[in-house]
Amino acid sequence: MGRKGLGELEQQVLLALLRMGGEGYSVPMVVEMEARSGQEVSQAAVFIVLRRLEDKGLVSSRMEGAGDTASGRERRYFKLEAEGLRRLEEARRLAERLWDGIDSVWEEG
């Protein structure tokens, strides 16, 4: 798909973030992804993908201090940026074009 394309896990992370209202931290994203996919998801892998998406400018992040959370620990919150949403929509359109007409191919097989 090239350098501008999103990988499967990148798409899943962005979709989970979008379902969370466009902002959140990695733990609830993992829970959302596991609930939707029925598969175990590595929190470390999600965090790595989030940082990679941030490097690409698709998400941004901020830290919330220990006093701001119930657990007393700092958390990095990620926010879906407009470019991330645009790239996610682009990935969806590409997938739809690739799937278009596949049902008839399967019926022939």
PDB file of N, CA and C in Angstrom:
ATOM      1  N   MET A   1       0.820  -1.189   0.000  1.00  0.00           N
ATOM      2  CA  MET A   1       0.000   0.000   0.000  1.00  0.00           C
ATOM      3  C   MET A   1       0.865   1.254   0.000  1.00  0.00           C
ATOM      4  N   GLY A   2       2.138   1.076   0.197  1.00  0.00           N
ATOM      5  CA  GLY A   2       3.026   2.221   0.173  1.00  0.00           C
ATOM      6  C   GLY A   2       3.191   2.846   1.539  1.00  0.00           C
ATOM      7  N   ARG A   3       4.023   3.847   1.595  1.00  0.00           N
ATOM      8  CA  ARG A   3       4.360   4.494   2.862  1.00  0.00           C
ATOM      9  C   ARG A   3       3.186   5.250   3.463  1.00  0.00           C
ATOM     10  N   LYS A   4       2.284   5.744   2.620  1.00  0.00           N
ATOM     11  CA  LYS A   4       1.165   6.521   3.136  1.00  0.00           C
ATOM     12  C   LYS A   4       0.024   5.641   3.625  1.00  0.00           C
ATOM     13  N   GLY A   5       0.016   4.378   3.249  1.00  0.00           N
ATOM     14  CA  GLY A   5      -1.053   3.479   3.644  1.00  0.00           C
ATOM     15  C   GLY A   5      -0.964   3.117   5.117  1.00  0.00           C
ATOM     16  N   LEU A   6      -2.093   2.706   5.650  1.00  0.00           N
ATOM     17  CA  LEU A   6      -2.151   2.274   7.041  1.00  0.00           C
ATOM     18  C   LEU A   6      -2.086   0.758   7.112  1.00  0.00           C
ATOM     19  N   GLY A   7      -1.320   0.257   8.053  1.00  0.00           N
ATOM     20  CA  GLY A   7      -1.298  -1.171   8.302  1.00  0.00           C
ATOM     21  C   GLY A   7      -2.565  -1.594   9.036  1.00  0.00           C
ATOM     22  N   GLU A   8      -2.791  -2.882   9.098  1.00  0.00           N
ATOM     23  CA  GLU A   8      -4.008  -3.411   9.734  1.00  0.00           C
ATOM     24  C   GLU A   8      -4.118  -2.992  11.201  1.00  0.00           C
ATOM     25  N   LEU A   9      -3.048  -3.138  11.959  1.00  0.00           N
ATOM     26  CA  LEU A   9      -3.093  -2.765  13.374  1.00  0.00           C
ATOM     27  C   LEU A   9      -3.249  -1.252  13.532  1.00  0.00           C
ATOM     28  N   GLU A  10      -2.621  -0.481  12.641  1.00  0.00           N
ATOM     29  CA  GLU A  10      -2.799   0.973  12.690  1.00  0.00           C
ATOM     30  C   GLU A  10      -4.264   1.341  12.480  1.00  0.00           C
ATOM     31  N   GLN A  11      -4.915   0.692  11.520  1.00  0.00           N
ATOM     32  CA  GLN A  11      -6.335   0.941  11.288  1.00  0.00           C
ATOM     33  C   GLN A  11      -7.156   0.574  12.516  1.00  0.00           C
ATOM     34  N   GLN A  12      -6.872  -0.569  13.108  1.00  0.00           N
ATOM     35  CA  GLN A  12      -7.623  -1.007  14.275  1.00  0.00           C
ATOM     36  C   GLN A  12      -7.470  -0.037  15.444  1.00  0.00           C
ATOM     37  N   VAL A  13      -6.265   0.445  15.652  1.00  0.00           N
ATOM     38  CA  VAL A  13      -6.012   1.399  16.738  1.00  0.00           C
ATOM     39  C   VAL A  13      -6.751   2.702  16.480  1.00  0.00           C
ATOM     40  N   LEU A  14      -6.687   3.207  15.250  1.00  0.00           N
ATOM     41  CA  LEU A  14      -7.392   4.443  14.926  1.00  0.00           C
ATOM     42  C   LEU A  14      -8.903   4.275  15.056  1.00  0.00           C
ATOM     43  N   LEU A  15      -9.425   3.128  14.657  1.00  0.00           N
ATOM     44  CA  LEU A  15     -10.863   2.876  14.799  1.00  0.00           C
ATOM     45  C   LEU A  15     -11.271   2.812  16.271  1.00  0.00           C
ATOM     46  N   ALA A  16     -10.461   2.166  17.091  1.00  0.00           N
ATOM     47  CA  ALA A  16     -10.755   2.118  18.531  1.00  0.00           C
ATOM     48  C   ALA A  16     -10.736   3.521  19.121  1.00  0.00           C
ATOM     49  N   LEU A  17      -9.773   4.321  18.727  1.00  0.00           N
ATOM     50  CA  LEU A  17      -9.678   5.693  19.206  1.00  0.00           C
ATOM     51  C   LEU A  17     -10.895   6.501  18.752  1.00  0.00           C
ATOM     52  N   LEU A  18     -11.322   6.303  17.531  1.00  0.00           N
ATOM     53  CA  LEU A  18     -12.498   6.989  17.011  1.00  0.00           C
ATOM     54  C   LEU A  18     -13.747   6.581  17.799  1.00  0.00           C
ATOM     55  N   ARG A  19     -13.886   5.294  18.102  1.00  0.00           N
ATOM     56  CA  ARG A  19     -15.025   4.814  18.888  1.00  0.00           C
ATOM     57  C   ARG A  19     -15.036   5.407  20.296  1.00  0.00           C
ATOM     58  N   MET A  20     -13.875   5.779  20.787  1.00  0.00           N
ATOM     59  CA  MET A  20     -13.761   6.362  22.129  1.00  0.00           C
ATOM     60  C   MET A  20     -13.983   7.877  22.099  1.00  0.00           C
ATOM     61  N   GLY A  21     -14.468   8.385  20.995  1.00  0.00           N
ATOM     62  CA  GLY A  21     -14.706   9.813  20.894  1.00  0.00           C
ATOM     63  C   GLY A  21     -13.529  10.595  20.358  1.00  0.00           C
ATOM     64  N   GLY A  22     -12.528   9.896  19.853  1.00  0.00           N
ATOM     65  CA  GLY A  22     -11.382  10.559  19.255  1.00  0.00           C
ATOM     66  C   GLY A  22     -10.240  10.832  20.206  1.00  0.00           C
ATOM     67  N   GLU A  23     -10.387  10.414  21.473  1.00  0.00           N
ATOM     68  CA  GLU A  23      -9.320  10.659  22.441  1.00  0.00           C
ATOM     69  C   GLU A  23      -9.365   9.597  23.529  1.00  0.00           C
ATOM     70  N   GLY A  24      -8.191   9.149  23.960  1.00  0.00           N
ATOM     71  CA  GLY A  24      -8.136   8.165  25.036  1.00  0.00           C
ATOM     72  C   GLY A  24      -6.723   7.665  25.238  1.00  0.00           C
ATOM     73  N   TYR A  25      -6.580   6.742  26.176  1.00  0.00           N
ATOM     74  CA  TYR A  25      -5.265   6.151  26.413  1.00  0.00           C
ATOM     75  C   TYR A  25      -5.308   4.676  26.069  1.00  0.00           C
ATOM     76  N   SER A  26      -4.161   4.026  26.087  1.00  0.00           N
ATOM     77  CA  SER A  26      -4.009   2.710  25.471  1.00  0.00           C
ATOM     78  C   SER A  26      -4.836   1.607  26.123  1.00  0.00           C
ATOM     79  N   VAL A  27      -5.013   1.619  27.427  1.00  0.00           N
ATOM     80  CA  VAL A  27      -5.717   0.501  28.084  1.00  0.00           C
ATOM     81  C   VAL A  27      -7.155   0.358  27.576  1.00  0.00           C
ATOM     82  N   PRO A  28      -7.974   1.421  27.575  1.00  0.00           N
ATOM     83  CA  PRO A  28      -9.330   1.257  27.044  1.00  0.00           C
ATOM     84  C   PRO A  28      -9.360   0.924  25.557  1.00  0.00           C
ATOM     85  N   MET A  29      -8.341   1.360  24.817  1.00  0.00           N
ATOM     86  CA  MET A  29      -8.274   1.003  23.400  1.00  0.00           C
ATOM     87  C   MET A  29      -8.100  -0.498  23.241  1.00  0.00           C
ATOM     88  N   VAL A  30      -7.227  -1.077  24.056  1.00  0.00           N
ATOM     89  CA  VAL A  30      -7.003  -2.523  24.015  1.00  0.00           C
ATOM     90  C   VAL A  30      -8.298  -3.261  24.356  1.00  0.00           C
ATOM     91  N   VAL A  31      -8.991  -2.811  25.390  1.00  0.00           N
ATOM     92  CA  VAL A  31     -10.267  -3.430  25.786  1.00  0.00           C
ATOM     93  C   VAL A  31     -11.268  -3.366  24.637  1.00  0.00           C
ATOM     94  N   GLU A  32     -11.375  -2.200  24.002  1.00  0.00           N
ATOM     95  CA  GLU A  32     -12.291  -2.019  22.872  1.00  0.00           C
ATOM     96  C   GLU A  32     -11.922  -2.936  21.713  1.00  0.00           C
ATOM     97  N   MET A  33     -10.638  -3.003  21.396  1.00  0.00           N
ATOM     98  CA  MET A  33     -10.195  -3.835  20.286  1.00  0.00           C
ATOM     99  C   MET A  33     -10.452  -5.316  20.565  1.00  0.00           C
ATOM    100  N   GLU A  34     -10.196  -5.749  21.788  1.00  0.00           N
ATOM    101  CA  GLU A  34     -10.435  -7.152  22.136  1.00  0.00           C
ATOM    102  C   GLU A  34     -11.920  -7.482  22.102  1.00  0.00           C
ATOM    103  N   ALA A  35     -12.743  -6.566  22.600  1.00  0.00           N
ATOM    104  CA  ALA A  35     -14.187  -6.799  22.607  1.00  0.00           C
ATOM    105  C   ALA A  35     -14.736  -6.897  21.184  1.00  0.00           C
ATOM    106  N   ARG A  36     -14.243  -6.056  20.301  1.00  0.00           N
ATOM    107  CA  ARG A  36     -14.745  -6.041  18.926  1.00  0.00           C
ATOM    108  C   ARG A  36     -14.197  -7.194  18.088  1.00  0.00           C
ATOM    109  N   SER A  37     -12.936  -7.566  18.319  1.00  0.00           N
ATOM    110  CA  SER A  37     -12.305  -8.580  17.472  1.00  0.00           C
ATOM    111  C   SER A  37     -12.423  -9.994  18.031  1.00  0.00           C
ATOM    112  N   GLY A  38     -12.633 -10.101  19.340  1.00  0.00           N
ATOM    113  CA  GLY A  38     -12.646 -11.428  19.958  1.00  0.00           C
ATOM    114  C   GLY A  38     -11.263 -12.039  20.057  1.00  0.00           C
ATOM    115  N   GLN A  39     -10.229 -11.216  19.865  1.00  0.00           N
ATOM    116  CA  GLN A  39      -8.855 -11.693  19.915  1.00  0.00           C
ATOM    117  C   GLN A  39      -8.073 -10.919  20.965  1.00  0.00           C
ATOM    118  N   GLU A  40      -7.058 -11.571  21.508  1.00  0.00           N
ATOM    119  CA  GLU A  40      -6.186 -10.897  22.466  1.00  0.00           C
ATOM    120  C   GLU A  40      -5.343  -9.857  21.741  1.00  0.00           C
ATOM    121  N   VAL A  41      -5.184  -8.700  22.363  1.00  0.00           N
ATOM    122  CA  VAL A  41      -4.419  -7.607  21.786  1.00  0.00           C
ATOM    123  C   VAL A  41      -3.331  -7.206  22.775  1.00  0.00           C
ATOM    124  N   SER A  42      -2.115  -7.077  22.309  1.00  0.00           N
ATOM    125  CA  SER A  42      -0.991  -6.699  23.149  1.00  0.00           C
ATOM    126  C   SER A  42      -1.017  -5.194  23.415  1.00  0.00           C
ATOM    127  N   GLN A  43      -1.064  -4.826  24.687  1.00  0.00           N
ATOM    128  CA  GLN A  43      -1.045  -3.408  25.046  1.00  0.00           C
ATOM    129  C   GLN A  43       0.247  -2.757  24.575  1.00  0.00           C
ATOM    130  N   ALA A  44       1.362  -3.473  24.690  1.00  0.00           N
ATOM    131  CA  ALA A  44       2.647  -2.923  24.238  1.00  0.00           C
ATOM    132  C   ALA A  44       2.615  -2.643  22.743  1.00  0.00           C
ATOM    133  N   ALA A  45       2.041  -3.555  21.963  1.00  0.00           N
ATOM    134  CA  ALA A  45       1.953  -3.352  20.514  1.00  0.00           C
ATOM    135  C   ALA A  45       1.092  -2.136  20.187  1.00  0.00           C
ATOM    136  N   VAL A  46      -0.009  -1.962  20.904  1.00  0.00           N
ATOM    137  CA  VAL A  46      -0.888  -0.814  20.687  1.00  0.00           C
ATOM    138  C   VAL A  46      -0.143   0.475  21.006  1.00  0.00           C
ATOM    139  N   PHE A  47       0.592   0.484  22.099  1.00  0.00           N
ATOM    140  CA  PHE A  47       1.328   1.688  22.474  1.00  0.00           C
ATOM    141  C   PHE A  47       2.392   2.025  21.426  1.00  0.00           C
ATOM    142  N   ILE A  48       3.077   1.012  20.925  1.00  0.00           N
ATOM    143  CA  ILE A  48       4.082   1.225  19.883  1.00  0.00           C
ATOM    144  C   ILE A  48       3.435   1.807  18.627  1.00  0.00           C
ATOM    145  N   VAL A  49       2.282   1.255  18.247  1.00  0.00           N
ATOM    146  CA  VAL A  49       1.567   1.767  17.080  1.00  0.00           C
ATOM    147  C   VAL A  49       1.116   3.203  17.311  1.00  0.00           C
ATOM    148  N   LEU A  50       0.641   3.507  18.504  1.00  0.00           N
ATOM    149  CA  LEU A  50       0.229   4.875  18.814  1.00  0.00           C
ATOM    150  C   LEU A  50       1.384   5.860  18.659  1.00  0.00           C
ATOM    151  N   ARG A  51       2.553   5.469  19.135  1.00  0.00           N
ATOM    152  CA  ARG A  51       3.716   6.355  19.001  1.00  0.00           C
ATOM    153  C   ARG A  51       4.113   6.514  17.527  1.00  0.00           C
ATOM    154  N   ARG A  52       4.000   5.425  16.750  1.00  0.00           N
ATOM    155  CA  ARG A  52       4.304   5.499  15.315  1.00  0.00           C
ATOM    156  C   ARG A  52       3.294   6.409  14.606  1.00  0.00           C
ATOM    157  N   LEU A  53       2.014   6.292  14.978  1.00  0.00           N
ATOM    158  CA  LEU A  53       0.991   7.158  14.409  1.00  0.00           C
ATOM    159  C   LEU A  53       1.230   8.618  14.784  1.00  0.00           C
ATOM    160  N   GLU A  54       1.750   8.832  15.977  1.00  0.00           N
ATOM    161  CA  GLU A  54       2.078  10.185  16.395  1.00  0.00           C
ATOM    162  C   GLU A  54       3.233  10.732  15.559  1.00  0.00           C
ATOM    163  N   ASP A  55       4.232   9.901  15.310  1.00  0.00           N
ATOM    164  CA  ASP A  55       5.362  10.319  14.475  1.00  0.00           C
ATOM    165  C   ASP A  55       4.899  10.697  13.067  1.00  0.00           C
ATOM    166  N   LYS A  56       3.843  10.037  12.585  1.00  0.00           N
ATOM    167  CA  LYS A  56       3.289  10.320  11.263  1.00  0.00           C
ATOM    168  C   LYS A  56       2.345  11.520  11.279  1.00  0.00           C
ATOM    169  N   GLY A  57       2.034  12.060  12.457  1.00  0.00           N
ATOM    170  CA  GLY A  57       1.134  13.206  12.556  1.00  0.00           C
ATOM    171  C   GLY A  57      -0.339  12.839  12.508  1.00  0.00           C
ATOM    172  N   LEU A  58      -0.653  11.559  12.699  1.00  0.00           N
ATOM    173  CA  LEU A  58      -2.047  11.111  12.618  1.00  0.00           C
ATOM    174  C   LEU A  58      -2.754  11.192  13.958  1.00  0.00           C
ATOM    175  N   VAL A  59      -1.978  11.152  15.033  1.00  0.00           N
ATOM    176  CA  VAL A  59      -2.505  11.371  16.380  1.00  0.00           C
ATOM    177  C   VAL A  59      -1.528  12.300  17.098  1.00  0.00           C
ATOM    178  N   SER A  60      -2.021  12.929  18.153  1.00  0.00           N
ATOM    179  CA  SER A  60      -1.157  13.713  19.032  1.00  0.00           C
ATOM    180  C   SER A  60      -1.330  13.151  20.430  1.00  0.00           C
ATOM    181  N   SER A  61      -0.453  13.539  21.349  1.00  0.00           N
ATOM    182  CA  SER A  61      -0.574  13.005  22.707  1.00  0.00           C
ATOM    183  C   SER A  61      -0.259  14.078  23.740  1.00  0.00           C
ATOM    184  N   ARG A  62      -0.718  13.809  24.934  1.00  0.00           N
ATOM    185  CA  ARG A  62      -0.408  14.667  26.073  1.00  0.00           C
ATOM    186  C   ARG A  62      -0.352  13.776  27.307  1.00  0.00           C
ATOM    187  N   MET A  63       0.412  14.213  28.280  1.00  0.00           N
ATOM    188  CA  MET A  63       0.508  13.488  29.548  1.00  0.00           C
ATOM    189  C   MET A  63      -0.424  14.134  30.561  1.00  0.00           C
ATOM    190  N   GLU A  64      -1.075  13.286  31.351  1.00  0.00           N
ATOM    191  CA  GLU A  64      -1.857  13.769  32.477  1.00  0.00           C
ATOM    192  C   GLU A  64      -1.153  13.291  33.724  1.00  0.00           C
ATOM    193  N   GLY A  65      -0.921  14.229  34.633  1.00  0.00           N
ATOM    194  CA  GLY A  65      -0.142  13.954  35.823  1.00  0.00           C
ATOM    195  C   GLY A  65      -0.799  13.001  36.792  1.00  0.00           C
ATOM    196  N   ALA A  66       0.003  12.549  37.743  1.00  0.00           N
ATOM    197  CA  ALA A  66      -0.438  11.564  38.735  1.00  0.00           C
ATOM    198  C   ALA A  66      -1.642  12.043  39.527  1.00  0.00           C
ATOM    199  N   GLY A  67      -1.729  13.314  39.806  1.00  0.00           N
ATOM    200  CA  GLY A  67      -2.855  13.832  40.573  1.00  0.00           C
ATOM    201  C   GLY A  67      -4.145  13.895  39.777  1.00  0.00           C
ATOM    202  N   ASP A  68      -4.045  13.762  38.448  1.00  0.00           N
ATOM    203  CA  ASP A  68      -5.211  13.881  37.585  1.00  0.00           C
ATOM    204  C   ASP A  68      -5.932  12.556  37.361  1.00  0.00           C
ATOM    205  N   THR A  69      -5.366  11.443  37.812  1.00  0.00           N
ATOM    206  CA  THR A  69      -5.964  10.140  37.540  1.00  0.00           C
ATOM    207  C   THR A  69      -6.283   9.418  38.835  1.00  0.00           C
ATOM    208  N   ALA A  70      -7.287   8.547  38.788  1.00  0.00           N
ATOM    209  CA  ALA A  70      -7.695   7.787  39.965  1.00  0.00           C
ATOM    210  C   ALA A  70      -6.597   6.824  40.425  1.00  0.00           C
ATOM    211  N   SER A  71      -5.796   6.331  39.485  1.00  0.00           N
ATOM    212  CA  SER A  71      -4.748   5.371  39.833  1.00  0.00           C
ATOM    213  C   SER A  71      -3.521   6.032  40.444  1.00  0.00           C
ATOM    214  N   GLY A  72      -3.421   7.353  40.316  1.00  0.00           N
ATOM    215  CA  GLY A  72      -2.248   8.053  40.827  1.00  0.00           C
ATOM    216  C   GLY A  72      -1.037   7.947  39.921  1.00  0.00           C
ATOM    217  N   ARG A  73      -1.231   7.464  38.694  1.00  0.00           N
ATOM    218  CA  ARG A  73      -0.132   7.319  37.736  1.00  0.00           C
ATOM    219  C   ARG A  73      -0.334   8.252  36.563  1.00  0.00           C
ATOM    220  N   GLU A  74       0.780   8.653  35.953  1.00  0.00           N
ATOM    221  CA  GLU A  74       0.686   9.452  34.739  1.00  0.00           C
ATOM    222  C   GLU A  74       0.201   8.578  33.588  1.00  0.00           C
ATOM    223  N   ARG A  75      -0.582   9.188  32.723  1.00  0.00           N
ATOM    224  CA  ARG A  75      -1.067   8.490  31.537  1.00  0.00           C
ATOM    225  C   ARG A  75      -0.836   9.379  30.328  1.00  0.00           C
ATOM    226  N   ARG A  76      -0.535   8.722  29.205  1.00  0.00           N
ATOM    227  CA  ARG A  76      -0.405   9.439  27.935  1.00  0.00           C
ATOM    228  C   ARG A  76      -1.724   9.268  27.186  1.00  0.00           C
ATOM    229  N   TYR A  77      -2.404  10.371  26.958  1.00  0.00           N
ATOM    230  CA  TYR A  77      -3.654  10.381  26.210  1.00  0.00           C
ATOM    231  C   TYR A  77      -3.366  10.723  24.758  1.00  0.00           C
ATOM    232  N   PHE A  78      -4.007  10.005  23.861  1.00  0.00           N
ATOM    233  CA  PHE A  78      -3.827  10.207  22.432  1.00  0.00           C
ATOM    234  C   PHE A  78      -5.108  10.778  21.836  1.00  0.00           C
ATOM    235  N   LYS A  79      -4.928  11.673  20.873  1.00  0.00           N
ATOM    236  CA  LYS A  79      -6.048  12.329  20.202  1.00  0.00           C
ATOM    237  C   LYS A  79      -5.932  12.104  18.708  1.00  0.00           C
ATOM    238  N   LEU A  80      -7.020  11.678  18.093  1.00  0.00           N
ATOM    239  CA  LEU A  80      -7.066  11.496  16.647  1.00  0.00           C
ATOM    240  C   LEU A  80      -7.049  12.868  15.974  1.00  0.00           C
ATOM    241  N   GLU A  81      -6.106  13.071  15.086  1.00  0.00           N
ATOM    242  CA  GLU A  81      -5.990  14.330  14.360  1.00  0.00           C
ATOM    243  C   GLU A  81      -6.736  14.227  13.023  1.00  0.00           C
ATOM    244  N   ALA A  82      -7.001  15.375  12.422  1.00  0.00           N
ATOM    245  CA  ALA A  82      -7.750  15.421  11.157  1.00  0.00           C
ATOM    246  C   ALA A  82      -7.079  14.566  10.082  1.00  0.00           C
ATOM    247  N   GLU A  83      -5.749  14.595  10.018  1.00  0.00           N
ATOM    248  CA  GLU A  83      -5.032  13.787   9.021  1.00  0.00           C
ATOM    249  C   GLU A  83      -5.216  12.297   9.297  1.00  0.00           C
ATOM    250  N   GLY A  84      -5.268  11.916  10.551  1.00  0.00           N
ATOM    251  CA  GLY A  84      -5.512  10.513  10.900  1.00  0.00           C
ATOM    252  C   GLY A  84      -6.893  10.064  10.456  1.00  0.00           C
ATOM    253  N   LEU A  85      -7.885  10.910  10.655  1.00  0.00           N
ATOM    254  CA  LEU A  85      -9.242  10.594  10.221  1.00  0.00           C
ATOM    255  C   LEU A  85      -9.303  10.506   8.699  1.00  0.00           C
ATOM    256  N   ARG A  86      -8.632  11.430   8.025  1.00  0.00           N
ATOM    257  CA  ARG A  86      -8.603  11.406   6.565  1.00  0.00           C
ATOM    258  C   ARG A  86      -7.975  10.117   6.039  1.00  0.00           C
ATOM    259  N   ARG A  87      -6.866   9.725   6.650  1.00  0.00           N
ATOM    260  CA  ARG A  87      -6.175   8.505   6.201  1.00  0.00           C
ATOM    261  C   ARG A  87      -7.004   7.255   6.506  1.00  0.00           C
ATOM    262  N   LEU A  88      -7.735   7.268   7.603  1.00  0.00           N
ATOM    263  CA  LEU A  88      -8.607   6.148   7.946  1.00  0.00           C
ATOM    264  C   LEU A  88      -9.740   6.034   6.927  1.00  0.00           C
ATOM    265  N   GLU A  89     -10.321   7.162   6.560  1.00  0.00           N
ATOM    266  CA  GLU A  89     -11.372   7.160   5.534  1.00  0.00           C
ATOM    267  C   GLU A  89     -10.827   6.674   4.194  1.00  0.00           C
ATOM    268  N   GLU A  90      -9.614   7.081   3.874  1.00  0.00           N
ATOM    269  CA  GLU A  90      -8.962   6.648   2.635  1.00  0.00           C
ATOM    270  C   GLU A  90      -8.759   5.127   2.638  1.00  0.00           C
ATOM    271  N   ALA A  91      -8.329   4.584   3.763  1.00  0.00           N
ATOM    272  CA  ALA A  91      -8.131   3.128   3.884  1.00  0.00           C
ATOM    273  C   ALA A  91      -9.452   2.388   3.724  1.00  0.00           C
ATOM    274  N   ARG A  92     -10.519   2.965   4.262  1.00  0.00           N
ATOM    275  CA  ARG A  92     -11.834   2.337   4.131  1.00  0.00           C
ATOM    276  C   ARG A  92     -12.265   2.325   2.666  1.00  0.00           C
ATOM    277  N   ARG A  93     -12.114   3.451   1.979  1.00  0.00           N
ATOM    278  CA  ARG A  93     -12.505   3.511   0.568  1.00  0.00           C
ATOM    279  C   ARG A  93     -11.703   2.506  -0.265  1.00  0.00           C
ATOM    280  N   LEU A  94     -10.409   2.384   0.012  1.00  0.00           N
ATOM    281  CA  LEU A  94      -9.578   1.424  -0.710  1.00  0.00           C
ATOM    282  C   LEU A  94     -10.070  -0.005  -0.469  1.00  0.00           C
ATOM    283  N   ALA A  95     -10.335  -0.338   0.789  1.00  0.00           N
ATOM    284  CA  ALA A  95     -10.813  -1.685   1.107  1.00  0.00           C
ATOM    285  C   ALA A  95     -12.150  -1.964   0.417  1.00  0.00           C
ATOM    286  N   GLU A  96     -13.034  -0.984   0.403  1.00  0.00           N
ATOM    287  CA  GLU A  96     -14.327  -1.163  -0.259  1.00  0.00           C
ATOM    288  C   GLU A  96     -14.150  -1.401  -1.753  1.00  0.00           C
ATOM    289  N   ARG A  97     -13.217  -0.660  -2.392  1.00  0.00           N
ATOM    290  CA  ARG A  97     -12.955  -0.872  -3.818  1.00  0.00           C
ATOM    291  C   ARG A  97     -12.383  -2.262  -4.066  1.00  0.00           C
ATOM    292  N   LEU A  98     -11.505  -2.705  -3.187  1.00  0.00           N
ATOM    293  CA  LEU A  98     -10.904  -4.036  -3.352  1.00  0.00           C
ATOM    294  C   LEU A  98     -11.935  -5.141  -3.161  1.00  0.00           C
ATOM    295  N   TRP A  99     -12.883  -4.955  -2.255  1.00  0.00           N
ATOM    296  CA  TRP A  99     -13.912  -5.958  -1.987  1.00  0.00           C
ATOM    297  C   TRP A  99     -15.047  -5.920  -3.009  1.00  0.00           C
ATOM    298  N   ASP A 100     -15.193  -4.813  -3.715  1.00  0.00           N
ATOM    299  CA  ASP A 100     -16.286  -4.663  -4.672  1.00  0.00           C
ATOM    300  C   ASP A 100     -16.220  -5.777  -5.723  1.00  0.00           C
ATOM    301  N   GLY A 101     -17.295  -6.519  -5.851  1.00  0.00           N
ATOM    302  CA  GLY A 101     -17.388  -7.579  -6.844  1.00  0.00           C
ATOM    303  C   GLY A 101     -16.857  -8.929  -6.402  1.00  0.00           C
ATOM    304  N   ILE A 102     -16.307  -9.026  -5.217  1.00  0.00           N
ATOM    305  CA  ILE A 102     -15.733 -10.295  -4.747  1.00  0.00           C
ATOM    306  C   ILE A 102     -16.809 -11.364  -4.544  1.00  0.00           C
ATOM    307  N   ASP A 103     -18.002 -10.971  -4.119  1.00  0.00           N
ATOM    308  CA  ASP A 103     -19.063 -11.955  -3.902  1.00  0.00           C
ATOM    309  C   ASP A 103     -19.337 -12.762  -5.172  1.00  0.00           C
ATOM    310  N   SER A 104     -19.351 -12.099  -6.312  1.00  0.00           N
ATOM    311  CA  SER A 104     -19.618 -12.824  -7.554  1.00  0.00           C
ATOM    312  C   SER A 104     -18.458 -13.755  -7.914  1.00  0.00           C
ATOM    313  N   VAL A 105     -17.237 -13.363  -7.556  1.00  0.00           N
ATOM    314  CA  VAL A 105     -16.073 -14.219  -7.800  1.00  0.00           C
ATOM    315  C   VAL A 105     -16.185 -15.478  -6.944  1.00  0.00           C
ATOM    316  N   TRP A 106     -16.572 -15.314  -5.668  1.00  0.00           N
ATOM    317  CA  TRP A 106     -16.736 -16.471  -4.786  1.00  0.00           C
ATOM    318  C   TRP A 106     -17.849 -17.390  -5.268  1.00  0.00           C
ATOM    319  N   GLU A 107     -18.923 -16.801  -5.773  1.00  0.00           N
ATOM    320  CA  GLU A 107     -20.054 -17.602  -6.245  1.00  0.00           C
ATOM    321  C   GLU A 107     -19.653 -18.444  -7.447  1.00  0.00           C
ATOM    322  N   GLU A 108     -18.759 -17.892  -8.292  1.00  0.00           N
ATOM    323  CA  GLU A 108     -18.285 -18.631  -9.455  1.00  0.00           C
ATOM    324  C   GLU A 108     -17.370 -19.783  -9.069  1.00  0.00           C
ATOM    325  N   GLY A 109     -16.624 -19.604  -7.961  1.00  0.00           N
ATOM    326  CA  GLY A 109     -15.645 -20.602  -7.518  1.00  0.00           C
ATOM    327  C   GLY A 109     -16.315 -21.708  -6.831  1.00  0.00           C
TER     328      GLY A 109
END
